[in-house]
Amino acid sequence: MSTTKWSGEVTVHSNALDLEKDIFKSGDPDKIAASLKHSAETSQRRKSSPYRSAMSMLTFYENRAGKNLGAEEKNVLEKAKDKLRALFGK
């Protein structure tokens, strides 16, 4: 992974959330949402509510991956957003 881009630096050095390794590549929206919720709720370093922190991390990943995401991967991430909203009662 190149750390020359700001997104690479954020991914490598972020204090935001401690994420499960390769969670976004799991292909399971339920697992992604549950993992993000757990990470956000247990983090002592987040600057916002657990819901906002989890959703921000998911959106950040989606935006960072951009054109490299296939249609199925995008679909999984959109479903994960819906699952995350449901887990937080939003």
PDB file of N, CA and C in Angstrom:
ATOM      1  N   MET A   1       0.840  -1.173   0.000  1.00  0.00           N
ATOM      2  CA  MET A   1       0.000   0.000   0.000  1.00  0.00           C
ATOM      3  C   MET A   1       0.887   1.238   0.000  1.00  0.00           C
ATOM      4  N   SER A   2       0.598   2.159  -0.863  1.00  0.00           N
ATOM      5  CA  SER A   2       1.353   3.394  -0.934  1.00  0.00           C
ATOM      6  C   SER A   2       0.859   4.364   0.123  1.00  0.00           C
ATOM      7  N   THR A   3       1.793   4.966   0.840  1.00  0.00           N
ATOM      8  CA  THR A   3       1.407   5.954   1.834  1.00  0.00           C
ATOM      9  C   THR A   3       1.713   7.360   1.349  1.00  0.00           C
ATOM     10  N   THR A   4       1.891   7.528   0.040  1.00  0.00           N
ATOM     11  CA  THR A   4       2.176   8.848  -0.481  1.00  0.00           C
ATOM     12  C   THR A   4       0.909   9.694  -0.590  1.00  0.00           C
ATOM     13  N   LYS A   5      -0.243   9.067  -0.672  1.00  0.00           N
ATOM     14  CA  LYS A   5      -1.501   9.803  -0.731  1.00  0.00           C
ATOM     15  C   LYS A   5      -2.026   9.994   0.685  1.00  0.00           C
ATOM     16  N   TRP A   6      -2.767  11.067   0.892  1.00  0.00           N
ATOM     17  CA  TRP A   6      -3.275  11.343   2.232  1.00  0.00           C
ATOM     18  C   TRP A   6      -4.163  10.222   2.744  1.00  0.00           C
ATOM     19  N   SER A   7      -4.921   9.575   1.843  1.00  0.00           N
ATOM     20  CA  SER A   7      -5.805   8.503   2.290  1.00  0.00           C
ATOM     21  C   SER A   7      -5.000   7.300   2.795  1.00  0.00           C
ATOM     22  N   GLY A   8      -3.859   7.065   2.187  1.00  0.00           N
ATOM     23  CA  GLY A   8      -2.987   6.004   2.660  1.00  0.00           C
ATOM     24  C   GLY A   8      -2.431   6.312   4.033  1.00  0.00           C
ATOM     25  N   GLU A   9      -2.055   7.556   4.242  1.00  0.00           N
ATOM     26  CA  GLU A   9      -1.571   7.980   5.563  1.00  0.00           C
ATOM     27  C   GLU A   9      -2.658   7.814   6.613  1.00  0.00           C
ATOM     28  N   VAL A  10      -3.869   8.218   6.291  1.00  0.00           N
ATOM     29  CA  VAL A  10      -4.981   8.089   7.231  1.00  0.00           C
ATOM     30  C   VAL A  10      -5.210   6.623   7.569  1.00  0.00           C
ATOM     31  N   THR A  11      -5.188   5.778   6.565  1.00  0.00           N
ATOM     32  CA  THR A  11      -5.428   4.353   6.778  1.00  0.00           C
ATOM     33  C   THR A  11      -4.363   3.744   7.678  1.00  0.00           C
ATOM     34  N   VAL A  12      -3.123   4.124   7.480  1.00  0.00           N
ATOM     35  CA  VAL A  12      -2.021   3.540   8.239  1.00  0.00           C
ATOM     36  C   VAL A  12      -1.907   4.137   9.635  1.00  0.00           C
ATOM     37  N   HIS A  13      -2.107   5.454   9.770  1.00  0.00           N
ATOM     38  CA  HIS A  13      -1.812   6.141  11.030  1.00  0.00           C
ATOM     39  C   HIS A  13      -3.027   6.698  11.752  1.00  0.00           C
ATOM     40  N   SER A  14      -4.213   6.370  11.331  1.00  0.00           N
ATOM     41  CA  SER A  14      -5.409   6.946  11.928  1.00  0.00           C
ATOM     42  C   SER A  14      -5.616   6.492  13.373  1.00  0.00           C
ATOM     43  N   ASN A  15      -6.111   7.403  14.174  1.00  0.00           N
ATOM     44  CA  ASN A  15      -6.507   7.087  15.537  1.00  0.00           C
ATOM     45  C   ASN A  15      -8.006   6.842  15.628  1.00  0.00           C
ATOM     46  N   ALA A  16      -8.685   6.868  14.521  1.00  0.00           N
ATOM     47  CA  ALA A  16     -10.143   6.841  14.532  1.00  0.00           C
ATOM     48  C   ALA A  16     -10.708   5.570  15.164  1.00  0.00           C
ATOM     49  N   LEU A  17     -10.527   4.445  14.537  1.00  0.00           N
ATOM     50  CA  LEU A  17     -11.056   3.186  15.037  1.00  0.00           C
ATOM     51  C   LEU A  17     -10.044   2.070  14.789  1.00  0.00           C
ATOM     52  N   ASP A  18     -10.040   1.110  15.667  1.00  0.00           N
ATOM     53  CA  ASP A  18      -9.241  -0.097  15.445  1.00  0.00           C
ATOM     54  C   ASP A  18     -10.138  -1.086  14.726  1.00  0.00           C
ATOM     55  N   LEU A  19      -9.875  -1.300  13.466  1.00  0.00           N
ATOM     56  CA  LEU A  19     -10.722  -2.161  12.647  1.00  0.00           C
ATOM     57  C   LEU A  19     -10.175  -3.574  12.552  1.00  0.00           C
ATOM     58  N   GLU A  20     -11.095  -4.496  12.427  1.00  0.00           N
ATOM     59  CA  GLU A  20     -10.735  -5.884  12.188  1.00  0.00           C
ATOM     60  C   GLU A  20     -10.011  -5.956  10.841  1.00  0.00           C
ATOM     61  N   LYS A  21      -8.936  -6.712  10.770  1.00  0.00           N
ATOM     62  CA  LYS A  21      -8.143  -6.796   9.538  1.00  0.00           C
ATOM     63  C   LYS A  21      -8.997  -7.287   8.365  1.00  0.00           C
ATOM     64  N   ASP A  22      -8.913  -6.583   7.261  1.00  0.00           N
ATOM     65  CA  ASP A  22      -9.598  -6.920   6.006  1.00  0.00           C
ATOM     66  C   ASP A  22     -11.113  -7.052   6.141  1.00  0.00           C
ATOM     67  N   ILE A  23     -11.705  -6.356   7.098  1.00  0.00           N
ATOM     68  CA  ILE A  23     -13.144  -6.479   7.315  1.00  0.00           C
ATOM     69  C   ILE A  23     -13.943  -6.070   6.081  1.00  0.00           C
ATOM     70  N   PHE A  24     -13.502  -5.060   5.369  1.00  0.00           N
ATOM     71  CA  PHE A  24     -14.259  -4.591   4.203  1.00  0.00           C
ATOM     72  C   PHE A  24     -14.197  -5.575   3.039  1.00  0.00           C
ATOM     73  N   LYS A  25     -13.270  -6.486   3.079  1.00  0.00           N
ATOM     74  CA  LYS A  25     -13.131  -7.478   2.009  1.00  0.00           C
ATOM     75  C   LYS A  25     -13.893  -8.770   2.311  1.00  0.00           C
ATOM     76  N   SER A  26     -14.580  -8.820   3.444  1.00  0.00           N
ATOM     77  CA  SER A  26     -15.265 -10.047   3.851  1.00  0.00           C
ATOM     78  C   SER A  26     -16.431 -10.408   2.933  1.00  0.00           C
ATOM     79  N   GLY A  27     -17.051  -9.396   2.311  1.00  0.00           N
ATOM     80  CA  GLY A  27     -18.187  -9.652   1.429  1.00  0.00           C
ATOM     81  C   GLY A  27     -19.490  -9.901   2.163  1.00  0.00           C
ATOM     82  N   ASP A  28     -19.488  -9.741   3.488  1.00  0.00           N
ATOM     83  CA  ASP A  28     -20.668  -9.989   4.309  1.00  0.00           C
ATOM     84  C   ASP A  28     -21.110  -8.684   4.984  1.00  0.00           C
ATOM     85  N   PRO A  29     -22.215  -8.071   4.519  1.00  0.00           N
ATOM     86  CA  PRO A  29     -22.647  -6.797   5.086  1.00  0.00           C
ATOM     87  C   PRO A  29     -22.962  -6.872   6.582  1.00  0.00           C
ATOM     88  N   ASP A  30     -23.494  -8.007   7.036  1.00  0.00           N
ATOM     89  CA  ASP A  30     -23.787  -8.166   8.466  1.00  0.00           C
ATOM     90  C   ASP A  30     -22.501  -8.141   9.294  1.00  0.00           C
ATOM     91  N   LYS A  31     -21.495  -8.849   8.819  1.00  0.00           N
ATOM     92  CA  LYS A  31     -20.215  -8.909   9.522  1.00  0.00           C
ATOM     93  C   LYS A  31     -19.524  -7.548   9.530  1.00  0.00           C
ATOM     94  N   ILE A  32     -19.567  -6.849   8.393  1.00  0.00           N
ATOM     95  CA  ILE A  32     -18.959  -5.515   8.298  1.00  0.00           C
ATOM     96  C   ILE A  32     -19.624  -4.569   9.291  1.00  0.00           C
ATOM     97  N   ALA A  33     -20.955  -4.532   9.279  1.00  0.00           N
ATOM     98  CA  ALA A  33     -21.694  -3.629  10.158  1.00  0.00           C
ATOM     99  C   ALA A  33     -21.446  -3.950  11.627  1.00  0.00           C
ATOM    100  N   ALA A  34     -21.488  -5.218  11.984  1.00  0.00           N
ATOM    101  CA  ALA A  34     -21.269  -5.621  13.375  1.00  0.00           C
ATOM    102  C   ALA A  34     -19.861  -5.268  13.841  1.00  0.00           C
ATOM    103  N   SER A  35     -18.878  -5.485  12.977  1.00  0.00           N
ATOM    104  CA  SER A  35     -17.494  -5.185  13.316  1.00  0.00           C
ATOM    105  C   SER A  35     -17.290  -3.675  13.502  1.00  0.00           C
ATOM    106  N   LEU A  36     -17.862  -2.878  12.593  1.00  0.00           N
ATOM    107  CA  LEU A  36     -17.748  -1.424  12.713  1.00  0.00           C
ATOM    108  C   LEU A  36     -18.429  -0.922  13.979  1.00  0.00           C
ATOM    109  N   LYS A  37     -19.588  -1.463  14.279  1.00  0.00           N
ATOM    110  CA  LYS A  37     -20.318  -1.069  15.496  1.00  0.00           C
ATOM    111  C   LYS A  37     -19.479  -1.387  16.727  1.00  0.00           C
ATOM    112  N   HIS A  38     -18.940  -2.586  16.782  1.00  0.00           N
ATOM    113  CA  HIS A  38     -18.106  -2.982  17.919  1.00  0.00           C
ATOM    114  C   HIS A  38     -16.881  -2.062  18.047  1.00  0.00           C
ATOM    115  N   SER A  39     -16.212  -1.812  16.941  1.00  0.00           N
ATOM    116  CA  SER A  39     -15.023  -0.957  16.961  1.00  0.00           C
ATOM    117  C   SER A  39     -15.358   0.451  17.426  1.00  0.00           C
ATOM    118  N   ALA A  40     -16.477   0.975  16.938  1.00  0.00           N
ATOM    119  CA  ALA A  40     -16.860   2.346  17.292  1.00  0.00           C
ATOM    120  C   ALA A  40     -17.265   2.448  18.761  1.00  0.00           C
ATOM    121  N   GLU A  41     -17.952   1.444  19.255  1.00  0.00           N
ATOM    122  CA  GLU A  41     -18.413   1.495  20.640  1.00  0.00           C
ATOM    123  C   GLU A  41     -17.291   1.263  21.654  1.00  0.00           C
ATOM    124  N   THR A  42     -16.276   0.537  21.269  1.00  0.00           N
ATOM    125  CA  THR A  42     -15.187   0.252  22.207  1.00  0.00           C
ATOM    126  C   THR A  42     -14.016   1.221  22.085  1.00  0.00           C
ATOM    127  N   SER A  43     -14.009   2.049  21.036  1.00  0.00           N
ATOM    128  CA  SER A  43     -12.908   2.980  20.826  1.00  0.00           C
ATOM    129  C   SER A  43     -12.914   4.085  21.884  1.00  0.00           C
ATOM    130  N   GLN A  44     -11.758   4.356  22.423  1.00  0.00           N
ATOM    131  CA  GLN A  44     -11.590   5.473  23.361  1.00  0.00           C
ATOM    132  C   GLN A  44     -11.070   6.717  22.643  1.00  0.00           C
ATOM    133  N   ARG A  45     -10.833   6.587  21.340  1.00  0.00           N
ATOM    134  CA  ARG A  45     -10.194   7.683  20.596  1.00  0.00           C
ATOM    135  C   ARG A  45     -11.117   8.375  19.613  1.00  0.00           C
ATOM    136  N   ARG A  46     -12.345   7.920  19.487  1.00  0.00           N
ATOM    137  CA  ARG A  46     -13.229   8.526  18.495  1.00  0.00           C
ATOM    138  C   ARG A  46     -13.612   9.928  18.936  1.00  0.00           C
ATOM    139  N   LYS A  47     -13.912  10.768  17.960  1.00  0.00           N
ATOM    140  CA  LYS A  47     -14.234  12.163  18.234  1.00  0.00           C
ATOM    141  C   LYS A  47     -15.719  12.445  18.112  1.00  0.00           C
ATOM    142  N   SER A  48     -16.486  11.460  17.708  1.00  0.00           N
ATOM    143  CA  SER A  48     -17.909  11.642  17.485  1.00  0.00           C
ATOM    144  C   SER A  48     -18.664  10.483  18.128  1.00  0.00           C
ATOM    145  N   SER A  49     -19.979  10.427  17.891  1.00  0.00           N
ATOM    146  CA  SER A  49     -20.771   9.327  18.428  1.00  0.00           C
ATOM    147  C   SER A  49     -20.341   8.019  17.763  1.00  0.00           C
ATOM    148  N   PRO A  50     -20.601   6.883  18.397  1.00  0.00           N
ATOM    149  CA  PRO A  50     -20.240   5.605  17.779  1.00  0.00           C
ATOM    150  C   PRO A  50     -20.866   5.429  16.395  1.00  0.00           C
ATOM    151  N   TYR A  51     -22.132   5.813  16.241  1.00  0.00           N
ATOM    152  CA  TYR A  51     -22.796   5.678  14.945  1.00  0.00           C
ATOM    153  C   TYR A  51     -22.083   6.497  13.880  1.00  0.00           C
ATOM    154  N   ARG A  52     -21.836   7.749  14.176  1.00  0.00           N
ATOM    155  CA  ARG A  52     -21.185   8.628  13.184  1.00  0.00           C
ATOM    156  C   ARG A  52     -19.774   8.148  12.864  1.00  0.00           C
ATOM    157  N   SER A  53     -19.054   7.685  13.867  1.00  0.00           N
ATOM    158  CA  SER A  53     -17.695   7.187  13.637  1.00  0.00           C
ATOM    159  C   SER A  53     -17.705   5.954  12.734  1.00  0.00           C
ATOM    160  N   ALA A  54     -18.614   5.031  13.006  1.00  0.00           N
ATOM    161  CA  ALA A  54     -18.699   3.813  12.203  1.00  0.00           C
ATOM    162  C   ALA A  54     -19.104   4.124  10.773  1.00  0.00           C
ATOM    163  N   MET A  55     -20.121   4.975  10.604  1.00  0.00           N
ATOM    164  CA  MET A  55     -20.588   5.322   9.258  1.00  0.00           C
ATOM    165  C   MET A  55     -19.506   6.100   8.504  1.00  0.00           C
ATOM    166  N   SER A  56     -18.799   6.959   9.195  1.00  0.00           N
ATOM    167  CA  SER A  56     -17.716   7.724   8.556  1.00  0.00           C
ATOM    168  C   SER A  56     -16.612   6.800   8.054  1.00  0.00           C
ATOM    169  N   MET A  57     -16.271   5.796   8.843  1.00  0.00           N
ATOM    170  CA  MET A  57     -15.223   4.872   8.422  1.00  0.00           C
ATOM    171  C   MET A  57     -15.663   4.076   7.203  1.00  0.00           C
ATOM    172  N   LEU A  58     -16.914   3.664   7.184  1.00  0.00           N
ATOM    173  CA  LEU A  58     -17.442   2.922   6.041  1.00  0.00           C
ATOM    174  C   LEU A  58     -17.455   3.801   4.787  1.00  0.00           C
ATOM    175  N   THR A  59     -17.900   5.027   4.927  1.00  0.00           N
ATOM    176  CA  THR A  59     -17.929   5.967   3.800  1.00  0.00           C
ATOM    177  C   THR A  59     -16.520   6.296   3.333  1.00  0.00           C
ATOM    178  N   PHE A  60     -15.601   6.460   4.275  1.00  0.00           N
ATOM    179  CA  PHE A  60     -14.209   6.741   3.921  1.00  0.00           C
ATOM    180  C   PHE A  60     -13.645   5.605   3.070  1.00  0.00           C
ATOM    181  N   TYR A  61     -13.878   4.382   3.508  1.00  0.00           N
ATOM    182  CA  TYR A  61     -13.376   3.238   2.740  1.00  0.00           C
ATOM    183  C   TYR A  61     -13.987   3.216   1.341  1.00  0.00           C
ATOM    184  N   GLU A  62     -15.286   3.431   1.275  1.00  0.00           N
ATOM    185  CA  GLU A  62     -15.983   3.409  -0.017  1.00  0.00           C
ATOM    186  C   GLU A  62     -15.425   4.489  -0.951  1.00  0.00           C
ATOM    187  N   ASN A  63     -15.229   5.668  -0.439  1.00  0.00           N
ATOM    188  CA  ASN A  63     -14.697   6.770  -1.252  1.00  0.00           C
ATOM    189  C   ASN A  63     -13.240   6.534  -1.638  1.00  0.00           C
ATOM    190  N   ARG A  64     -12.470   5.978  -0.724  1.00  0.00           N
ATOM    191  CA  ARG A  64     -11.045   5.734  -1.004  1.00  0.00           C
ATOM    192  C   ARG A  64     -10.883   4.671  -2.083  1.00  0.00           C
ATOM    193  N   ALA A  65     -11.713   3.647  -2.024  1.00  0.00           N
ATOM    194  CA  ALA A  65     -11.627   2.573  -3.017  1.00  0.00           C
ATOM    195  C   ALA A  65     -12.131   3.040  -4.379  1.00  0.00           C
ATOM    196  N   GLY A  66     -13.131   3.900  -4.372  1.00  0.00           N
ATOM    197  CA  GLY A  66     -13.626   4.540  -5.579  1.00  0.00           C
ATOM    198  C   GLY A  66     -13.856   3.641  -6.770  1.00  0.00           C
ATOM    199  N   LYS A  67     -13.191   3.963  -7.868  1.00  0.00           N
ATOM    200  CA  LYS A  67     -13.384   3.256  -9.139  1.00  0.00           C
ATOM    201  C   LYS A  67     -12.900   1.806  -9.084  1.00  0.00           C
ATOM    202  N   ASN A  68     -12.114   1.473  -8.086  1.00  0.00           N
ATOM    203  CA  ASN A  68     -11.598   0.105  -7.986  1.00  0.00           C
ATOM    204  C   ASN A  68     -12.617  -0.883  -7.431  1.00  0.00           C
ATOM    205  N   LEU A  69     -13.743  -0.368  -6.939  1.00  0.00           N
ATOM    206  CA  LEU A  69     -14.786  -1.254  -6.425  1.00  0.00           C
ATOM    207  C   LEU A  69     -15.680  -1.731  -7.558  1.00  0.00           C
ATOM    208  N   GLY A  70     -15.935  -3.019  -7.578  1.00  0.00           N
ATOM    209  CA  GLY A  70     -16.870  -3.572  -8.545  1.00  0.00           C
ATOM    210  C   GLY A  70     -18.300  -3.360  -8.073  1.00  0.00           C
ATOM    211  N   ALA A  71     -19.249  -3.646  -8.932  1.00  0.00           N
ATOM    212  CA  ALA A  71     -20.662  -3.450  -8.610  1.00  0.00           C
ATOM    213  C   ALA A  71     -21.080  -4.282  -7.390  1.00  0.00           C
ATOM    214  N   GLU A  72     -20.602  -5.509  -7.311  1.00  0.00           N
ATOM    215  CA  GLU A  72     -20.968  -6.365  -6.174  1.00  0.00           C
ATOM    216  C   GLU A  72     -20.393  -5.827  -4.867  1.00  0.00           C
ATOM    217  N   GLU A  73     -19.150  -5.344  -4.912  1.00  0.00           N
ATOM    218  CA  GLU A  73     -18.530  -4.781  -3.711  1.00  0.00           C
ATOM    219  C   GLU A  73     -19.275  -3.535  -3.246  1.00  0.00           C
ATOM    220  N   LYS A  74     -19.663  -2.683  -4.194  1.00  0.00           N
ATOM    221  CA  LYS A  74     -20.434  -1.486  -3.850  1.00  0.00           C
ATOM    222  C   LYS A  74     -21.762  -1.878  -3.217  1.00  0.00           C
ATOM    223  N   ASN A  75     -22.392  -2.896  -3.767  1.00  0.00           N
ATOM    224  CA  ASN A  75     -23.654  -3.379  -3.239  1.00  0.00           C
ATOM    225  C   ASN A  75     -23.496  -3.873  -1.794  1.00  0.00           C
ATOM    226  N   VAL A  76     -22.430  -4.598  -1.537  1.00  0.00           N
ATOM    227  CA  VAL A  76     -22.162  -5.095  -0.181  1.00  0.00           C
ATOM    228  C   VAL A  76     -21.988  -3.924   0.784  1.00  0.00           C
ATOM    229  N   LEU A  77     -21.256  -2.895   0.370  1.00  0.00           N
ATOM    230  CA  LEU A  77     -21.030  -1.743   1.244  1.00  0.00           C
ATOM    231  C   LEU A  77     -22.315  -0.960   1.490  1.00  0.00           C
ATOM    232  N   GLU A  78     -23.161  -0.845   0.470  1.00  0.00           N
ATOM    233  CA  GLU A  78     -24.450  -0.168   0.663  1.00  0.00           C
ATOM    234  C   GLU A  78     -25.338  -0.954   1.619  1.00  0.00           C
ATOM    235  N   LYS A  79     -25.325  -2.265   1.494  1.00  0.00           N
ATOM    236  CA  LYS A  79     -26.090  -3.109   2.420  1.00  0.00           C
ATOM    237  C   LYS A  79     -25.528  -2.992   3.836  1.00  0.00           C
ATOM    238  N   ALA A  80     -24.206  -2.887   3.946  1.00  0.00           N
ATOM    239  CA  ALA A  80     -23.579  -2.729   5.257  1.00  0.00           C
ATOM    240  C   ALA A  80     -24.013  -1.415   5.905  1.00  0.00           C
ATOM    241  N   LYS A  81     -24.172  -0.371   5.105  1.00  0.00           N
ATOM    242  CA  LYS A  81     -24.665   0.904   5.641  1.00  0.00           C
ATOM    243  C   LYS A  81     -26.072   0.740   6.202  1.00  0.00           C
ATOM    244  N   ASP A  82     -26.926   0.037   5.459  1.00  0.00           N
ATOM    245  CA  ASP A  82     -28.293  -0.211   5.933  1.00  0.00           C
ATOM    246  C   ASP A  82     -28.278  -1.025   7.222  1.00  0.00           C
ATOM    247  N   LYS A  83     -27.428  -2.040   7.283  1.00  0.00           N
ATOM    248  CA  LYS A  83     -27.315  -2.879   8.481  1.00  0.00           C
ATOM    249  C   LYS A  83     -26.813  -2.069   9.659  1.00  0.00           C
ATOM    250  N   LEU A  84     -25.850  -1.184   9.401  1.00  0.00           N
ATOM    251  CA  LEU A  84     -25.301  -0.333  10.448  1.00  0.00           C
ATOM    252  C   LEU A  84     -26.371   0.597  11.002  1.00  0.00           C
ATOM    253  N   ARG A  85     -27.156   1.187  10.101  1.00  0.00           N
ATOM    254  CA  ARG A  85     -28.272   2.045  10.559  1.00  0.00           C
ATOM    255  C   ARG A  85     -29.223   1.256  11.451  1.00  0.00           C
ATOM    256  N   ALA A  86     -29.536   0.041  11.045  1.00  0.00           N
ATOM    257  CA  ALA A  86     -30.458  -0.799  11.820  1.00  0.00           C
ATOM    258  C   ALA A  86     -29.866  -1.155  13.191  1.00  0.00           C
ATOM    259  N   LEU A  87     -28.582  -1.495  13.214  1.00  0.00           N
ATOM    260  CA  LEU A  87     -27.938  -1.841  14.481  1.00  0.00           C
ATOM    261  C   LEU A  87     -27.952  -0.687  15.477  1.00  0.00           C
ATOM    262  N   PHE A  88     -27.860   0.535  14.958  1.00  0.00           N
ATOM    263  CA  PHE A  88     -27.873   1.715  15.813  1.00  0.00           C
ATOM    264  C   PHE A  88     -29.272   2.303  15.972  1.00  0.00           C
ATOM    265  N   GLY A  89     -30.264   1.672  15.390  1.00  0.00           N
ATOM    266  CA  GLY A  89     -31.642   2.152  15.505  1.00  0.00           C
ATOM    267  C   GLY A  89     -31.902   3.456  14.784  1.00  0.00           C
ATOM    268  N   LYS A  90     -31.247   3.649  13.671  1.00  0.00           N
ATOM    269  CA  LYS A  90     -31.395   4.897  12.896  1.00  0.00           C
ATOM    270  C   LYS A  90     -32.269   4.675  11.679  1.00  0.00           C
TER     271      LYS A  90
END
